[in-house]
C-alpha atoms as a PDB file:
ATOM      1  CA  UNK A   1      -2.067  -2.649   9.995  1.00  0.00           C
ATOM      2  CA  UNK A   2      -4.556  -3.716  12.629  1.00  0.00           C
ATOM      3  CA  UNK A   3      -4.988  -5.560  15.902  1.00  0.00           C
ATOM      4  CA  UNK A   4      -7.073  -8.706  15.574  1.00  0.00           C
ATOM      5  CA  UNK A   5      -8.656 -10.289  18.624  1.00  0.00           C
ATOM      6  CA  UNK A   6      -8.953 -14.047  18.069  1.00  0.00           C
ATOM      7  CA  UNK A   7     -12.262 -15.391  19.356  1.00  0.00           C
ATOM      8  CA  UNK A   8     -12.173 -18.440  17.127  1.00  0.00           C
ATOM      9  CA  UNK A   9      -9.400 -20.787  18.244  1.00  0.00           C
ATOM     10  CA  UNK A  10     -10.878 -23.943  19.859  1.00  0.00           C
ATOM     11  CA  UNK A  11      -7.750 -25.563  21.343  1.00  0.00           C
ATOM     12  CA  UNK A  12      -7.862 -26.551  24.988  1.00  0.00           C
ATOM     13  CA  UNK A  13      -4.516 -24.892  25.632  1.00  0.00           C
ATOM     14  CA  UNK A  14      -5.964 -21.580  24.450  1.00  0.00           C
ATOM     15  CA  UNK A  15      -9.087 -22.076  26.550  1.00  0.00           C
ATOM     16  CA  UNK A  16      -6.975 -22.507  29.674  1.00  0.00           C
ATOM     17  CA  UNK A  17      -5.730 -18.972  29.085  1.00  0.00           C
ATOM     18  CA  UNK A  18      -9.336 -17.766  28.758  1.00  0.00           C
ATOM     19  CA  UNK A  19      -9.028 -16.665  25.154  1.00  0.00           C
ATOM     20  CA  UNK A  20     -10.003 -18.053  21.768  1.00  0.00           C
ATOM     21  CA  UNK A  21     -13.468 -19.373  20.927  1.00  0.00           C
ATOM     22  CA  UNK A  22     -14.551 -19.656  24.567  1.00  0.00           C
ATOM     23  CA  UNK A  23     -14.730 -15.844  24.592  1.00  0.00           C
ATOM     24  CA  UNK A  24     -17.825 -16.043  22.396  1.00  0.00           C
ATOM     25  CA  UNK A  25     -19.742 -17.035  25.525  1.00  0.00           C
ATOM     26  CA  UNK A  26     -18.879 -13.622  26.998  1.00  0.00           C
ATOM     27  CA  UNK A  27     -19.676 -11.016  24.319  1.00  0.00           C
ATOM     28  CA  UNK A  28     -19.642  -8.124  26.788  1.00  0.00           C
ATOM     29  CA  UNK A  29     -16.136  -9.080  27.929  1.00  0.00           C
ATOM     30  CA  UNK A  30     -15.011  -9.102  24.292  1.00  0.00           C
ATOM     31  CA  UNK A  31     -16.651  -5.707  23.819  1.00  0.00           C
ATOM     32  CA  UNK A  32     -14.783  -4.364  26.861  1.00  0.00           C
ATOM     33  CA  UNK A  33     -11.502  -5.701  25.432  1.00  0.00           C
ATOM     34  CA  UNK A  34     -12.188  -4.092  22.061  1.00  0.00           C
ATOM     35  CA  UNK A  35     -13.017  -0.743  23.651  1.00  0.00           C
ATOM     36  CA  UNK A  36      -9.871  -0.817  25.799  1.00  0.00           C
ATOM     37  CA  UNK A  37      -7.713  -1.548  22.752  1.00  0.00           C
ATOM     38  CA  UNK A  38      -9.427   1.075  20.623  1.00  0.00           C
ATOM     39  CA  UNK A  39      -8.821   3.639  23.367  1.00  0.00           C
ATOM     40  CA  UNK A  40      -5.108   2.779  23.332  1.00  0.00           C
ATOM     41  CA  UNK A  41      -4.325   2.623  19.598  1.00  0.00           C
ATOM     42  CA  UNK A  42      -5.075   4.509  16.402  1.00  0.00           C
ATOM     43  CA  UNK A  43      -5.160   1.468  14.085  1.00  0.00           C
ATOM     44  CA  UNK A  44      -8.294  -0.662  13.573  1.00  0.00           C
ATOM     45  CA  UNK A  45      -9.245  -3.355  16.085  1.00  0.00           C
ATOM     46  CA  UNK A  46     -10.921  -6.334  14.410  1.00  0.00           C
ATOM     47  CA  UNK A  47     -12.371  -9.600  15.702  1.00  0.00           C
ATOM     48  CA  UNK A  48     -12.177 -13.112  14.259  1.00  0.00           C
ATOM     49  CA  UNK A  49     -14.755 -15.571  15.558  1.00  0.00           C
ATOM     50  CA  UNK A  50     -16.843 -18.659  14.884  1.00  0.00           C
ATOM     51  CA  UNK A  51     -20.617 -18.952  14.473  1.00  0.00           C
ATOM     52  CA  UNK A  52     -21.176 -20.654  17.791  1.00  0.00           C
ATOM     53  CA  UNK A  53     -19.661 -22.956  20.369  1.00  0.00           C
ATOM     54  CA  UNK A  54     -20.359 -26.616  21.029  1.00  0.00           C
ATOM     55  CA  UNK A  55     -24.041 -27.441  20.418  1.00  0.00           C
ATOM     56  CA  UNK A  56     -25.223 -23.837  20.130  1.00  0.00           C
ATOM     57  CA  UNK A  57     -26.441 -23.787  16.537  1.00  0.00           C
ATOM     58  CA  UNK A  58     -28.957 -20.934  16.411  1.00  0.00           C
ATOM     59  CA  UNK A  59     -28.141 -17.808  14.433  1.00  0.00           C
ATOM     60  CA  UNK A  60     -29.236 -15.551  17.276  1.00  0.00           C
ATOM     61  CA  UNK A  61     -26.116 -16.483  19.266  1.00  0.00           C
ATOM     62  CA  UNK A  62     -23.698 -15.059  16.708  1.00  0.00           C
ATOM     63  CA  UNK A  63     -25.980 -12.103  15.931  1.00  0.00           C
ATOM     64  CA  UNK A  64     -25.946 -11.039  19.595  1.00  0.00           C
ATOM     65  CA  UNK A  65     -22.172 -11.523  19.762  1.00  0.00           C
ATOM     66  CA  UNK A  66     -21.507  -9.353  16.715  1.00  0.00           C
ATOM     67  CA  UNK A  67     -24.036  -6.715  17.758  1.00  0.00           C
ATOM     68  CA  UNK A  68     -22.565  -6.421  21.256  1.00  0.00           C
ATOM     69  CA  UNK A  69     -18.966  -6.163  20.048  1.00  0.00           C
ATOM     70  CA  UNK A  70     -19.890  -3.750  17.263  1.00  0.00           C
ATOM     71  CA  UNK A  71     -21.339  -1.323  19.808  1.00  0.00           C
ATOM     72  CA  UNK A  72     -17.850  -1.155  21.356  1.00  0.00           C
ATOM     73  CA  UNK A  73     -16.497   0.162  18.054  1.00  0.00           C
ATOM     74  CA  UNK A  74     -15.403  -2.947  16.150  1.00  0.00           C
ATOM     75  CA  UNK A  75     -16.238  -2.473  12.472  1.00  0.00           C
ATOM     76  CA  UNK A  76     -14.651  -5.590  10.930  1.00  0.00           C
ATOM     77  CA  UNK A  77     -15.563  -9.197  11.743  1.00  0.00           C
ATOM     78  CA  UNK A  78     -13.767 -12.174  10.201  1.00  0.00           C
ATOM     79  CA  UNK A  79     -16.202 -15.047  10.508  1.00  0.00           C
ATOM     80  CA  UNK A  80     -15.133 -18.683  10.348  1.00  0.00           C
ATOM     81  CA  UNK A  81     -18.388 -20.177   9.111  1.00  0.00           C
ATOM     82  CA  UNK A  82     -18.368 -23.108  11.538  1.00  0.00           C
ATOM     83  CA  UNK A  83     -19.061 -23.768  15.179  1.00  0.00           C
ATOM     84  CA  UNK A  84     -16.146 -24.390  17.515  1.00  0.00           C
ATOM     85  CA  UNK A  85     -16.396 -27.634  19.476  1.00  0.00           C
ATOM     86  CA  UNK A  86     -14.505 -26.902  22.675  1.00  0.00           C
ATOM     87  CA  UNK A  87     -14.352 -30.492  23.952  1.00  0.00           C
ATOM     88  CA  UNK A  88     -13.789 -33.647  21.973  1.00  0.00           C
ATOM     89  CA  UNK A  89     -12.403 -32.305  18.702  1.00  0.00           C
ATOM     90  CA  UNK A  90      -8.811 -31.401  17.922  1.00  0.00           C
ATOM     91  CA  UNK A  91      -8.030 -28.006  16.365  1.00  0.00           C
ATOM     92  CA  UNK A  92      -7.526 -29.807  13.031  1.00  0.00           C
ATOM     93  CA  UNK A  93     -10.901 -31.531  13.276  1.00  0.00           C
ATOM     94  CA  UNK A  94     -12.477 -28.219  14.254  1.00  0.00           C
ATOM     95  CA  UNK A  95     -11.384 -26.883  10.870  1.00  0.00           C
ATOM     96  CA  UNK A  96     -13.087 -29.733   9.019  1.00  0.00           C
ATOM     97  CA  UNK A  97     -15.807 -31.545  10.996  1.00  0.00           C
ATOM     98  CA  UNK A  98     -18.346 -28.873  12.062  1.00  0.00           C
ATOM     99  CA  UNK A  99     -20.477 -28.097   8.995  1.00  0.00           C
ATOM    100  CA  UNK A 100     -19.971 -24.868   7.097  1.00  0.00           C
ATOM    101  CA  UNK A 101     -22.904 -22.467   7.322  1.00  0.00           C
ATOM    102  CA  UNK A 102     -22.128 -19.681   4.885  1.00  0.00           C
ATOM    103  CA  UNK A 103     -25.768 -18.568   4.988  1.00  0.00           C
ATOM    104  CA  UNK A 104     -25.243 -17.416   8.593  1.00  0.00           C
ATOM    105  CA  UNK A 105     -22.349 -15.197   7.475  1.00  0.00           C
ATOM    106  CA  UNK A 106     -24.395 -13.755   4.607  1.00  0.00           C
ATOM    107  CA  UNK A 107     -27.206 -13.068   7.075  1.00  0.00           C
ATOM    108  CA  UNK A 108     -24.821 -11.175   9.337  1.00  0.00           C
ATOM    109  CA  UNK A 109     -24.004  -8.887   6.425  1.00  0.00           C
ATOM    110  CA  UNK A 110     -27.705  -8.304   5.777  1.00  0.00           C
ATOM    111  CA  UNK A 111     -28.386  -7.585   9.454  1.00  0.00           C
ATOM    112  CA  UNK A 112     -25.309  -5.359   9.873  1.00  0.00           C
ATOM    113  CA  UNK A 113     -24.856  -3.680   6.473  1.00  0.00           C
ATOM    114  CA  UNK A 114     -22.519  -1.010   7.867  1.00  0.00           C
ATOM    115  CA  UNK A 115     -20.045  -3.560   9.228  1.00  0.00           C
ATOM    116  CA  UNK A 116     -17.264  -5.165   7.208  1.00  0.00           C
ATOM    117  CA  UNK A 117     -18.025  -8.898   7.199  1.00  0.00           C
ATOM    118  CA  UNK A 118     -15.300 -11.252   5.934  1.00  0.00           C
ATOM    119  CA  UNK A 119     -16.009 -14.956   5.447  1.00  0.00           C
ATOM    120  CA  UNK A 120     -13.476 -17.657   6.354  1.00  0.00           C
ATOM    121  CA  UNK A 121     -13.471 -21.439   6.217  1.00  0.00           C
ATOM    122  CA  UNK A 122     -13.446 -23.981   3.416  1.00  0.00           C
ATOM    123  CA  UNK A 123     -12.140 -21.586   0.763  1.00  0.00           C
ATOM    124  CA  UNK A 124      -9.345 -23.664  -0.732  1.00  0.00           C
ATOM    125  CA  UNK A 125      -9.246 -22.633  -4.385  1.00  0.00           C
ATOM    126  CA  UNK A 126      -9.162 -19.460  -6.410  1.00  0.00           C
ATOM    127  CA  UNK A 127     -12.538 -20.293  -7.965  1.00  0.00           C
ATOM    128  CA  UNK A 128     -14.135 -20.530  -4.515  1.00  0.00           C
ATOM    129  CA  UNK A 129     -13.387 -16.888  -3.680  1.00  0.00           C
ATOM    130  CA  UNK A 130     -15.514 -15.057  -6.216  1.00  0.00           C
ATOM    131  CA  UNK A 131     -19.003 -16.360  -5.294  1.00  0.00           C
ATOM    132  CA  UNK A 132     -18.624 -15.058  -1.729  1.00  0.00           C
ATOM    133  CA  UNK A 133     -17.685 -11.539  -2.786  1.00  0.00           C
ATOM    134  CA  UNK A 134     -21.193 -10.830  -4.030  1.00  0.00           C
ATOM    135  CA  UNK A 135     -22.557 -11.553  -0.536  1.00  0.00           C
ATOM    136  CA  UNK A 136     -19.923 -10.262   1.896  1.00  0.00           C
ATOM    137  CA  UNK A 137     -17.092  -7.736   1.967  1.00  0.00           C
ATOM    138  CA  UNK A 138     -14.140 -10.078   1.803  1.00  0.00           C
ATOM    139  CA  UNK A 139     -12.785 -13.611   1.917  1.00  0.00           C
ATOM    140  CA  UNK A 140     -10.086 -14.708   4.338  1.00  0.00           C
ATOM    141  CA  UNK A 141      -7.726 -17.415   3.091  1.00  0.00           C
ATOM    142  CA  UNK A 142      -6.070 -19.486   5.791  1.00  0.00           C
ATOM    143  CA  UNK A 143      -3.904 -22.508   5.178  1.00  0.00           C
ATOM    144  CA  UNK A 144      -4.211 -22.392   1.400  1.00  0.00           C
ATOM    145  CA  UNK A 145      -2.479 -19.002   1.457  1.00  0.00           C
ATOM    146  CA  UNK A 146       0.324 -20.481   3.551  1.00  0.00           C
ATOM    147  CA  UNK A 147       0.841 -23.717   1.611  1.00  0.00           C
ATOM    148  CA  UNK A 148       0.315 -22.107  -1.800  1.00  0.00           C
ATOM    149  CA  UNK A 149       1.020 -18.381  -1.305  1.00  0.00           C
ATOM    150  CA  UNK A 150       1.092 -17.656  -5.032  1.00  0.00           C
ATOM    151  CA  UNK A 151      -2.694 -18.087  -4.996  1.00  0.00           C
ATOM    152  CA  UNK A 152      -2.773 -14.538  -3.605  1.00  0.00           C
ATOM    153  CA  UNK A 153      -0.982 -13.229  -6.692  1.00  0.00           C
ATOM    154  CA  UNK A 154      -3.433 -15.028  -8.950  1.00  0.00           C
ATOM    155  CA  UNK A 155      -6.357 -13.660  -6.947  1.00  0.00           C
ATOM    156  CA  UNK A 156      -4.980 -10.139  -7.280  1.00  0.00           C
ATOM    157  CA  UNK A 157      -4.792 -10.506 -11.055  1.00  0.00           C
ATOM    158  CA  UNK A 158      -8.266 -11.992 -11.488  1.00  0.00           C
ATOM    159  CA  UNK A 159     -10.237 -10.000  -8.930  1.00  0.00           C
ATOM    160  CA  UNK A 160      -8.471  -6.661  -8.684  1.00  0.00           C
ATOM    161  CA  UNK A 161      -6.738  -6.249 -12.037  1.00  0.00           C
ATOM    162  CA  UNK A 162      -3.263  -6.284 -10.511  1.00  0.00           C
ATOM    163  CA  UNK A 163      -0.321  -6.781 -12.856  1.00  0.00           C
ATOM    164  CA  UNK A 164       1.284 -10.197 -13.183  1.00  0.00           C
ATOM    165  CA  UNK A 165       4.071 -10.793 -10.670  1.00  0.00           C
ATOM    166  CA  UNK A 166       6.296 -13.781 -11.271  1.00  0.00           C
ATOM    167  CA  UNK A 167       7.591 -16.074  -8.583  1.00  0.00           C
ATOM    168  CA  UNK A 168      11.112 -14.904  -9.396  1.00  0.00           C
ATOM    169  CA  UNK A 169      10.009 -11.319  -8.682  1.00  0.00           C
ATOM    170  CA  UNK A 170       8.734 -12.499  -5.310  1.00  0.00           C
ATOM    171  CA  UNK A 171      12.101 -14.143  -4.627  1.00  0.00           C
ATOM    172  CA  UNK A 172      13.920 -10.913  -5.507  1.00  0.00           C
ATOM    173  CA  UNK A 173      11.729  -8.936  -3.113  1.00  0.00           C
ATOM    174  CA  UNK A 174      12.257 -11.513  -0.374  1.00  0.00           C
ATOM    175  CA  UNK A 175      16.010 -11.457  -0.964  1.00  0.00           C
ATOM    176  CA  UNK A 176      16.036  -7.719  -0.185  1.00  0.00           C
ATOM    177  CA  UNK A 177      13.839  -8.314   2.870  1.00  0.00           C
ATOM    178  CA  UNK A 178      15.993 -11.203   4.116  1.00  0.00           C
ATOM    179  CA  UNK A 179      19.179  -9.160   3.669  1.00  0.00           C
ATOM    180  CA  UNK A 180      17.736  -6.402   5.818  1.00  0.00           C
ATOM    181  CA  UNK A 181      16.449  -8.804   8.456  1.00  0.00           C
ATOM    182  CA  UNK A 182      19.734 -10.702   8.707  1.00  0.00           C
ATOM    183  CA  UNK A 183      21.454  -7.411   9.452  1.00  0.00           C
ATOM    184  CA  UNK A 184      19.029  -7.071  12.374  1.00  0.00           C
ATOM    185  CA  UNK A 185      19.897 -10.517  13.697  1.00  0.00           C
ATOM    186  CA  UNK A 186      17.056 -12.601  12.247  1.00  0.00           C
ATOM    187  CA  UNK A 187      18.288 -16.024  11.050  1.00  0.00           C
ATOM    188  CA  UNK A 188      17.555 -16.925   7.439  1.00  0.00           C
ATOM    189  CA  UNK A 189      15.805 -20.106   8.568  1.00  0.00           C
ATOM    190  CA  UNK A 190      13.090 -18.052  10.296  1.00  0.00           C
ATOM    191  CA  UNK A 191      12.243 -16.375   6.986  1.00  0.00           C
ATOM    192  CA  UNK A 192      12.551 -19.092   4.344  1.00  0.00           C
ATOM    193  CA  UNK A 193      10.593 -21.712   6.305  1.00  0.00           C
ATOM    194  CA  UNK A 194       7.494 -19.672   5.509  1.00  0.00           C
ATOM    195  CA  UNK A 195       8.309 -19.618   1.782  1.00  0.00           C
ATOM    196  CA  UNK A 196       8.411 -23.366   1.192  1.00  0.00           C
ATOM    197  CA  UNK A 197       5.100 -23.309  -0.693  1.00  0.00           C
ATOM    198  CA  UNK A 198       6.053 -20.615  -3.219  1.00  0.00           C
ATOM    199  CA  UNK A 199       6.516 -23.133  -6.053  1.00  0.00           C
ATOM    200  CA  UNK A 200       3.619 -25.355  -4.982  1.00  0.00           C
ATOM    201  CA  UNK A 201       2.300 -27.324  -7.945  1.00  0.00           C
ATOM    202  CA  UNK A 202       5.178 -26.258 -10.194  1.00  0.00           C
ATOM    203  CA  UNK A 203       7.820 -28.516 -11.776  1.00  0.00           C
ATOM    204  CA  UNK A 204      10.768 -29.165  -9.448  1.00  0.00           C
ATOM    205  CA  UNK A 205       8.931 -27.725  -6.431  1.00  0.00           C
ATOM    206  CA  UNK A 206      10.594 -30.430  -4.347  1.00  0.00           C
ATOM    207  CA  UNK A 207      14.022 -28.961  -5.168  1.00  0.00           C
ATOM    208  CA  UNK A 208      12.912 -25.575  -3.820  1.00  0.00           C
ATOM    209  CA  UNK A 209      11.635 -27.096  -0.591  1.00  0.00           C
ATOM    210  CA  UNK A 210      14.688 -29.309  -0.152  1.00  0.00           C
ATOM    211  CA  UNK A 211      17.220 -26.513  -0.569  1.00  0.00           C
ATOM    212  CA  UNK A 212      15.401 -24.119   1.743  1.00  0.00           C
ATOM    213  CA  UNK A 213      15.176 -26.857   4.374  1.00  0.00           C
ATOM    214  CA  UNK A 214      18.788 -28.017   4.163  1.00  0.00           C
ATOM    215  CA  UNK A 215      20.420 -27.444   7.552  1.00  0.00           C
ATOM    216  CA  UNK A 216      23.957 -27.166   6.156  1.00  0.00           C
ATOM    217  CA  UNK A 217      22.931 -24.518   3.609  1.00  0.00           C
ATOM    218  CA  UNK A 218      20.853 -22.565   6.112  1.00  0.00           C
ATOM    219  CA  UNK A 219      23.747 -22.573   8.578  1.00  0.00           C
ATOM    220  CA  UNK A 220      25.669 -20.182   6.321  1.00  0.00           C
ATOM    221  CA  UNK A 221      22.891 -17.585   6.730  1.00  0.00           C
ATOM    222  CA  UNK A 222      23.323 -16.375   3.127  1.00  0.00           C
ATOM    223  CA  UNK A 223      20.301 -14.625   1.581  1.00  0.00           C
ATOM    224  CA  UNK A 224      21.679 -15.667  -1.819  1.00  0.00           C
ATOM    225  CA  UNK A 225      20.425 -19.180  -1.008  1.00  0.00           C
ATOM    226  CA  UNK A 226      17.080 -17.870  -2.249  1.00  0.00           C
ATOM    227  CA  UNK A 227      18.546 -17.208  -5.692  1.00  0.00           C
ATOM    228  CA  UNK A 228      20.387 -20.554  -5.698  1.00  0.00           C
ATOM    229  CA  UNK A 229      17.166 -22.388  -4.900  1.00  0.00           C
ATOM    230  CA  UNK A 230      15.232 -20.400  -7.496  1.00  0.00           C
ATOM    231  CA  UNK A 231      17.749 -21.177 -10.245  1.00  0.00           C
ATOM    232  CA  UNK A 232      17.786 -24.867  -9.382  1.00  0.00           C
ATOM    233  CA  UNK A 233      13.992 -25.007  -9.294  1.00  0.00           C
ATOM    234  CA  UNK A 234      13.413 -23.134 -12.517  1.00  0.00           C
ATOM    235  CA  UNK A 235      16.211 -24.862 -14.435  1.00  0.00           C
ATOM    236  CA  UNK A 236      15.874 -28.402 -13.125  1.00  0.00           C
ATOM    237  CA  UNK A 237      18.042 -31.140 -11.551  1.00  0.00           C
ATOM    238  CA  UNK A 238      21.122 -30.461 -13.688  1.00  0.00           C
ATOM    239  CA  UNK A 239      21.384 -26.957 -12.243  1.00  0.00           C
ATOM    240  CA  UNK A 240      20.741 -28.350  -8.762  1.00  0.00           C
ATOM    241  CA  UNK A 241      24.060 -30.212  -8.740  1.00  0.00           C
ATOM    242  CA  UNK A 242      25.958 -27.017  -9.526  1.00  0.00           C
ATOM    243  CA  UNK A 243      24.232 -24.679  -7.075  1.00  0.00           C
ATOM    244  CA  UNK A 244      24.242 -27.297  -4.326  1.00  0.00           C
ATOM    245  CA  UNK A 245      27.991 -27.808  -4.683  1.00  0.00           C
ATOM    246  CA  UNK A 246      28.610 -24.064  -4.663  1.00  0.00           C
ATOM    247  CA  UNK A 247      26.289 -23.460  -1.730  1.00  0.00           C
ATOM    248  CA  UNK A 248      27.896 -26.196   0.348  1.00  0.00           C
ATOM    249  CA  UNK A 249      31.353 -24.859  -0.470  1.00  0.00           C
ATOM    250  CA  UNK A 250      30.323 -21.393   0.689  1.00  0.00           C
ATOM    251  CA  UNK A 251      28.825 -22.835   3.861  1.00  0.00           C
ATOM    252  CA  UNK A 252      32.046 -24.625   4.815  1.00  0.00           C
ATOM    253  CA  UNK A 253      34.275 -22.574   7.197  1.00  0.00           C
END
């Protein structure tokens, strides 16, 4: 759908490769990268970035960065509303310790009304999304969308009037996807490990996670494990004994 240039990651490993948040110190270099990519592709090129680096706290820093990169043709900026501390904080701490400054992101939208400004950082609930949408063009969900992916379905219903889609419907769609991918040589494990949060907060969610993490079941590479896990999760421990026995039998050579 797009190519996104990450100018927000603060890890030292990333910095050693001269990419991530350290690129914010070189806005013209980022602009040159964006132009080169735009010249080579027909899909949008977007940029994700922070508000500043280390002790640089003034708004002017991020305004110059966005203005410079926008002149190279970037129209969408995903803004993590925190500084990146390049030395002394772990990537995890960089997601939590530097203070959130949403007002800087809102100001970017006022200063660049023709750009698409998307806010990121600290949005961990469905209720936290809506207030931002009156000030910017979009909200980026990070880890909450990974650990509780069904929040995206609920957001679609509340904010965009999408029809209700059950978790079982998601499993059915992923079964078709997994079947296709296995035929291409992708192991089931590589797909289901990203689905462990589908039943987050629901009864028997632990059963879902356990079955999709079970090495002996995954070894069989059967997409139907998704349906087995769904039935056990939605019907409780009694069903688990049955589907586990059947799944293990099918996994045995």
